[in-house]
Amino acid sequence: MTDKDLYGGLIRLHILHHAAEEPIFGLGIIEELRHHGYEISAGTLYPMLHGLEKKGYLTSRHERTGRRERRVYEITEQGRIALQEAKAKVKELFGELIEGK
């Protein structure tokens, strides 16, 4: 990944997609994104998470697991709507870029 500005929107969509499946947390989503070929640091991810929360797409809470406390993010209804709308746009773009339609 060489252009963070270009891929930033895709990363945000991945975050919303995975948050729609189950609650997420920083290190877990960094590892998940790595599986998709994105090398992202905590210094890049957390501002994205906070931005998504500020827009109302995610909500967070602190969760304690043993001695560790982590911030867990869940998608909101507004986030689900935004994700559905983005899926339609991605499908259209995929058609143009890949399928030549």
N, C-alpha and C. Protein backbone atom coordinates (compact mmCIF):
# COMPACT_ATOMS: atom_id res chain seq x y z
N MET A 1 0.85 -1.17 0.00
CA MET A 1 0.00 0.00 0.00
C MET A 1 0.90 1.23 0.00
N THR A 2 0.78 2.04 -1.01
CA THR A 2 1.65 3.20 -1.10
C THR A 2 0.93 4.52 -0.93
N ASP A 3 -0.34 4.60 -1.20
CA ASP A 3 -1.07 5.85 -1.15
C ASP A 3 -2.19 5.78 -0.12
N LYS A 4 -1.89 6.26 1.09
CA LYS A 4 -2.86 6.17 2.18
C LYS A 4 -4.13 6.95 1.89
N ASP A 5 -4.01 8.07 1.16
CA ASP A 5 -5.20 8.85 0.83
C ASP A 5 -6.12 8.05 -0.09
N LEU A 6 -5.54 7.36 -1.06
CA LEU A 6 -6.33 6.59 -2.01
C LEU A 6 -7.03 5.42 -1.32
N TYR A 7 -6.35 4.75 -0.42
CA TYR A 7 -6.89 3.56 0.23
C TYR A 7 -7.67 3.86 1.52
N GLY A 8 -7.60 5.09 1.99
CA GLY A 8 -8.27 5.43 3.25
C GLY A 8 -9.75 5.11 3.27
N GLY A 9 -10.43 5.40 2.18
CA GLY A 9 -11.86 5.10 2.10
C GLY A 9 -12.14 3.60 2.13
N LEU A 10 -11.28 2.84 1.45
CA LEU A 10 -11.45 1.38 1.46
C LEU A 10 -11.24 0.82 2.85
N ILE A 11 -10.26 1.35 3.56
CA ILE A 11 -9.99 0.89 4.92
C ILE A 11 -11.19 1.20 5.82
N ARG A 12 -11.75 2.40 5.68
CA ARG A 12 -12.93 2.76 6.48
C ARG A 12 -14.10 1.82 6.18
N LEU A 13 -14.27 1.44 4.92
CA LEU A 13 -15.33 0.49 4.57
C LEU A 13 -15.07 -0.88 5.18
N HIS A 14 -13.81 -1.31 5.17
CA HIS A 14 -13.47 -2.58 5.83
C HIS A 14 -13.82 -2.50 7.31
N ILE A 15 -13.49 -1.39 7.95
CA ILE A 15 -13.78 -1.23 9.37
C ILE A 15 -15.28 -1.34 9.61
N LEU A 16 -16.08 -0.62 8.84
CA LEU A 16 -17.53 -0.68 9.02
C LEU A 16 -18.07 -2.08 8.75
N HIS A 17 -17.54 -2.71 7.71
CA HIS A 17 -17.98 -4.07 7.37
C HIS A 17 -17.75 -5.04 8.53
N HIS A 18 -16.54 -5.00 9.09
CA HIS A 18 -16.22 -5.93 10.18
C HIS A 18 -16.96 -5.55 11.46
N ALA A 19 -17.17 -4.26 11.70
CA ALA A 19 -17.93 -3.83 12.88
C ALA A 19 -19.39 -4.24 12.75
N ALA A 20 -19.88 -4.38 11.53
CA ALA A 20 -21.27 -4.84 11.33
C ALA A 20 -21.40 -6.32 11.65
N GLU A 21 -20.30 -7.06 11.53
CA GLU A 21 -20.33 -8.50 11.83
C GLU A 21 -20.20 -8.78 13.31
N GLU A 22 -19.36 -7.99 14.00
CA GLU A 22 -19.12 -8.17 15.43
C GLU A 22 -18.36 -6.96 15.96
N PRO A 23 -18.38 -6.72 17.27
CA PRO A 23 -17.60 -5.62 17.83
C PRO A 23 -16.11 -5.80 17.48
N ILE A 24 -15.43 -4.70 17.25
CA ILE A 24 -14.02 -4.73 16.88
C ILE A 24 -13.20 -3.93 17.89
N PHE A 25 -11.89 -4.17 17.86
CA PHE A 25 -10.96 -3.38 18.68
C PHE A 25 -9.71 -3.14 17.85
N GLY A 26 -8.92 -2.18 18.24
CA GLY A 26 -7.79 -1.71 17.46
C GLY A 26 -6.86 -2.77 16.91
N LEU A 27 -6.21 -3.52 17.79
CA LEU A 27 -5.25 -4.52 17.34
C LEU A 27 -5.90 -5.59 16.48
N GLY A 28 -7.11 -5.98 16.83
CA GLY A 28 -7.82 -6.99 16.06
C GLY A 28 -8.09 -6.53 14.64
N ILE A 29 -8.50 -5.27 14.47
CA ILE A 29 -8.80 -4.78 13.13
C ILE A 29 -7.52 -4.52 12.35
N ILE A 30 -6.44 -4.16 13.03
CA ILE A 30 -5.14 -4.02 12.35
C ILE A 30 -4.73 -5.36 11.75
N GLU A 31 -4.89 -6.42 12.52
CA GLU A 31 -4.55 -7.77 12.04
C GLU A 31 -5.47 -8.18 10.89
N GLU A 32 -6.75 -7.89 11.00
CA GLU A 32 -7.69 -8.21 9.93
C GLU A 32 -7.34 -7.46 8.65
N LEU A 33 -7.05 -6.19 8.78
CA LEU A 33 -6.68 -5.40 7.61
C LEU A 33 -5.39 -5.92 6.97
N ARG A 34 -4.49 -6.41 7.78
CA ARG A 34 -3.24 -6.99 7.26
C ARG A 34 -3.55 -8.18 6.34
N HIS A 35 -4.57 -8.96 6.69
CA HIS A 35 -4.97 -10.09 5.85
C HIS A 35 -5.44 -9.63 4.47
N HIS A 36 -5.88 -8.39 4.40
CA HIS A 36 -6.35 -7.83 3.13
C HIS A 36 -5.26 -7.04 2.42
N GLY A 37 -4.05 -7.06 2.96
CA GLY A 37 -2.93 -6.38 2.32
C GLY A 37 -2.68 -4.96 2.77
N TYR A 38 -3.38 -4.50 3.80
CA TYR A 38 -3.17 -3.15 4.30
C TYR A 38 -2.24 -3.19 5.50
N GLU A 39 -1.12 -2.50 5.41
CA GLU A 39 -0.21 -2.35 6.55
C GLU A 39 -0.53 -1.00 7.17
N ILE A 40 -1.22 -1.02 8.28
CA ILE A 40 -1.68 0.21 8.90
C ILE A 40 -1.22 0.24 10.35
N SER A 41 -0.75 1.38 10.78
CA SER A 41 -0.26 1.51 12.16
C SER A 41 -1.40 1.98 13.06
N ALA A 42 -1.19 1.83 14.34
CA ALA A 42 -2.18 2.30 15.31
C ALA A 42 -2.35 3.82 15.18
N GLY A 43 -1.27 4.51 14.86
CA GLY A 43 -1.31 5.96 14.70
C GLY A 43 -2.16 6.40 13.52
N THR A 44 -2.38 5.52 12.58
CA THR A 44 -3.27 5.80 11.44
C THR A 44 -4.68 5.28 11.73
N LEU A 45 -4.77 4.11 12.34
CA LEU A 45 -6.07 3.49 12.57
C LEU A 45 -6.93 4.26 13.58
N TYR A 46 -6.36 4.61 14.72
CA TYR A 46 -7.18 5.20 15.78
C TYR A 46 -7.83 6.52 15.37
N PRO A 47 -7.13 7.40 14.63
CA PRO A 47 -7.84 8.59 14.14
C PRO A 47 -9.01 8.23 13.20
N MET A 48 -8.85 7.15 12.42
CA MET A 48 -9.96 6.71 11.56
C MET A 48 -11.13 6.24 12.41
N LEU A 49 -10.86 5.43 13.43
CA LEU A 49 -11.92 4.95 14.31
C LEU A 49 -12.61 6.11 15.00
N HIS A 50 -11.82 7.06 15.50
CA HIS A 50 -12.40 8.21 16.19
C HIS A 50 -13.23 9.06 15.23
N GLY A 51 -12.75 9.19 13.99
CA GLY A 51 -13.50 9.94 12.98
C GLY A 51 -14.83 9.27 12.65
N LEU A 52 -14.82 7.94 12.52
CA LEU A 52 -16.05 7.20 12.26
C LEU A 52 -17.02 7.31 13.43
N GLU A 53 -16.46 7.35 14.63
CA GLU A 53 -17.31 7.52 15.81
C GLU A 53 -17.89 8.94 15.85
N LYS A 54 -17.07 9.92 15.54
CA LYS A 54 -17.52 11.31 15.55
C LYS A 54 -18.64 11.53 14.53
N LYS A 55 -18.58 10.84 13.39
CA LYS A 55 -19.62 10.95 12.36
C LYS A 55 -20.89 10.18 12.74
N GLY A 56 -20.80 9.37 13.80
CA GLY A 56 -21.96 8.62 14.25
C GLY A 56 -22.08 7.24 13.64
N TYR A 57 -21.03 6.77 12.94
CA TYR A 57 -21.05 5.45 12.32
C TYR A 57 -20.66 4.34 13.28
N LEU A 58 -19.89 4.67 14.28
CA LEU A 58 -19.45 3.72 15.31
C LEU A 58 -19.74 4.29 16.67
N THR A 59 -19.86 3.42 17.63
CA THR A 59 -19.93 3.81 19.04
C THR A 59 -18.89 2.95 19.76
N SER A 60 -18.37 3.45 20.87
CA SER A 60 -17.34 2.67 21.57
C SER A 60 -17.63 2.60 23.06
N ARG A 61 -17.00 1.62 23.64
CA ARG A 61 -17.08 1.44 25.09
C ARG A 61 -15.76 0.82 25.54
N HIS A 62 -15.44 1.00 26.79
CA HIS A 62 -14.25 0.37 27.35
C HIS A 62 -14.65 -1.00 27.90
N GLU A 63 -13.83 -1.98 27.60
CA GLU A 63 -14.10 -3.35 28.03
C GLU A 63 -12.85 -3.90 28.71
N ARG A 64 -13.05 -4.50 29.87
CA ARG A 64 -11.92 -5.07 30.60
C ARG A 64 -11.89 -6.58 30.38
N THR A 65 -10.71 -7.06 29.98
CA THR A 65 -10.47 -8.49 29.81
C THR A 65 -9.27 -8.83 30.70
N GLY A 66 -9.54 -9.44 31.84
CA GLY A 66 -8.45 -9.71 32.78
C GLY A 66 -7.87 -8.40 33.28
N ARG A 67 -6.57 -8.22 33.07
CA ARG A 67 -5.90 -6.99 33.51
C ARG A 67 -5.87 -5.94 32.41
N ARG A 68 -6.32 -6.32 31.22
CA ARG A 68 -6.25 -5.42 30.08
C ARG A 68 -7.60 -4.74 29.84
N GLU A 69 -7.53 -3.47 29.55
CA GLU A 69 -8.73 -2.73 29.16
C GLU A 69 -8.55 -2.29 27.72
N ARG A 70 -9.58 -2.48 26.91
CA ARG A 70 -9.50 -2.06 25.52
C ARG A 70 -10.79 -1.35 25.15
N ARG A 71 -10.68 -0.55 24.12
CA ARG A 71 -11.84 0.16 23.60
C ARG A 71 -12.43 -0.69 22.48
N VAL A 72 -13.70 -1.00 22.60
CA VAL A 72 -14.40 -1.84 21.64
C VAL A 72 -15.38 -0.96 20.87
N TYR A 73 -15.40 -1.17 19.56
CA TYR A 73 -16.24 -0.37 18.67
C TYR A 73 -17.35 -1.24 18.08
N GLU A 74 -18.55 -0.65 18.00
CA GLU A 74 -19.69 -1.32 17.38
C GLU A 74 -20.31 -0.36 16.37
N ILE A 75 -20.87 -0.94 15.31
CA ILE A 75 -21.52 -0.11 14.30
C ILE A 75 -22.86 0.39 14.83
N THR A 76 -23.22 1.58 14.43
CA THR A 76 -24.52 2.16 14.80
C THR A 76 -25.50 1.95 13.63
N GLU A 77 -26.74 2.29 13.85
CA GLU A 77 -27.72 2.20 12.77
C GLU A 77 -27.32 3.13 11.63
N GLN A 78 -26.86 4.31 11.97
CA GLN A 78 -26.39 5.25 10.95
C GLN A 78 -25.21 4.65 10.17
N GLY A 79 -24.34 3.94 10.87
CA GLY A 79 -23.21 3.28 10.22
C GLY A 79 -23.67 2.17 9.29
N ARG A 80 -24.70 1.43 9.69
CA ARG A 80 -25.23 0.37 8.83
C ARG A 80 -25.83 0.95 7.54
N ILE A 81 -26.53 2.05 7.67
CA ILE A 81 -27.11 2.71 6.49
C ILE A 81 -25.99 3.20 5.57
N ALA A 82 -24.98 3.84 6.14
CA ALA A 82 -23.86 4.34 5.34
C ALA A 82 -23.14 3.18 4.65
N LEU A 83 -22.98 2.06 5.34
CA LEU A 83 -22.32 0.90 4.76
C LEU A 83 -23.13 0.35 3.60
N GLN A 84 -24.45 0.25 3.75
CA GLN A 84 -25.30 -0.24 2.66
C GLN A 84 -25.20 0.67 1.44
N GLU A 85 -25.22 1.97 1.67
CA GLU A 85 -25.10 2.91 0.56
C GLU A 85 -23.73 2.80 -0.11
N ALA A 86 -22.69 2.62 0.69
CA ALA A 86 -21.34 2.48 0.14
C ALA A 86 -21.20 1.19 -0.65
N LYS A 87 -21.85 0.13 -0.21
CA LYS A 87 -21.81 -1.15 -0.94
C LYS A 87 -22.35 -0.97 -2.35
N ALA A 88 -23.42 -0.22 -2.49
CA ALA A 88 -23.99 0.02 -3.82
C ALA A 88 -23.00 0.79 -4.69
N LYS A 89 -22.32 1.77 -4.12
CA LYS A 89 -21.33 2.55 -4.87
C LYS A 89 -20.13 1.68 -5.25
N VAL A 90 -19.69 0.83 -4.33
CA VAL A 90 -18.55 -0.05 -4.60
C VAL A 90 -18.91 -1.05 -5.71
N LYS A 91 -20.12 -1.56 -5.66
CA LYS A 91 -20.57 -2.50 -6.69
C LYS A 91 -20.56 -1.84 -8.07
N GLU A 92 -21.03 -0.61 -8.13
CA GLU A 92 -21.02 0.14 -9.39
C GLU A 92 -19.58 0.38 -9.87
N LEU A 93 -18.72 0.79 -8.96
CA LEU A 93 -17.31 1.04 -9.31
C LEU A 93 -16.63 -0.25 -9.76
N PHE A 94 -16.89 -1.35 -9.06
CA PHE A 94 -16.33 -2.65 -9.43
C PHE A 94 -16.72 -2.99 -10.86
N GLY A 95 -17.97 -2.75 -11.19
CA GLY A 95 -18.43 -3.01 -12.54
C GLY A 95 -17.65 -2.24 -13.58
N GLU A 96 -17.35 -0.99 -13.28
CA GLU A 96 -16.59 -0.15 -14.22
C GLU A 96 -15.12 -0.56 -14.28
N LEU A 97 -14.52 -0.76 -13.13
CA LEU A 97 -13.08 -1.05 -13.07
C LEU A 97 -12.73 -2.45 -13.52
N ILE A 98 -13.49 -3.43 -13.11
CA ILE A 98 -13.13 -4.83 -13.33
C ILE A 98 -13.90 -5.46 -14.48
N GLU A 99 -15.17 -5.24 -14.49
CA GLU A 99 -16.01 -5.91 -15.49
C GLU A 99 -16.17 -5.09 -16.76
N GLY A 100 -15.69 -3.84 -16.76
CA GLY A 100 -15.76 -3.01 -17.93
C GLY A 100 -17.17 -2.58 -18.32
N LYS A 101 -18.08 -2.51 -17.36
CA LYS A 101 -19.48 -2.15 -17.65
C LYS A 101 -19.72 -0.69 -17.37
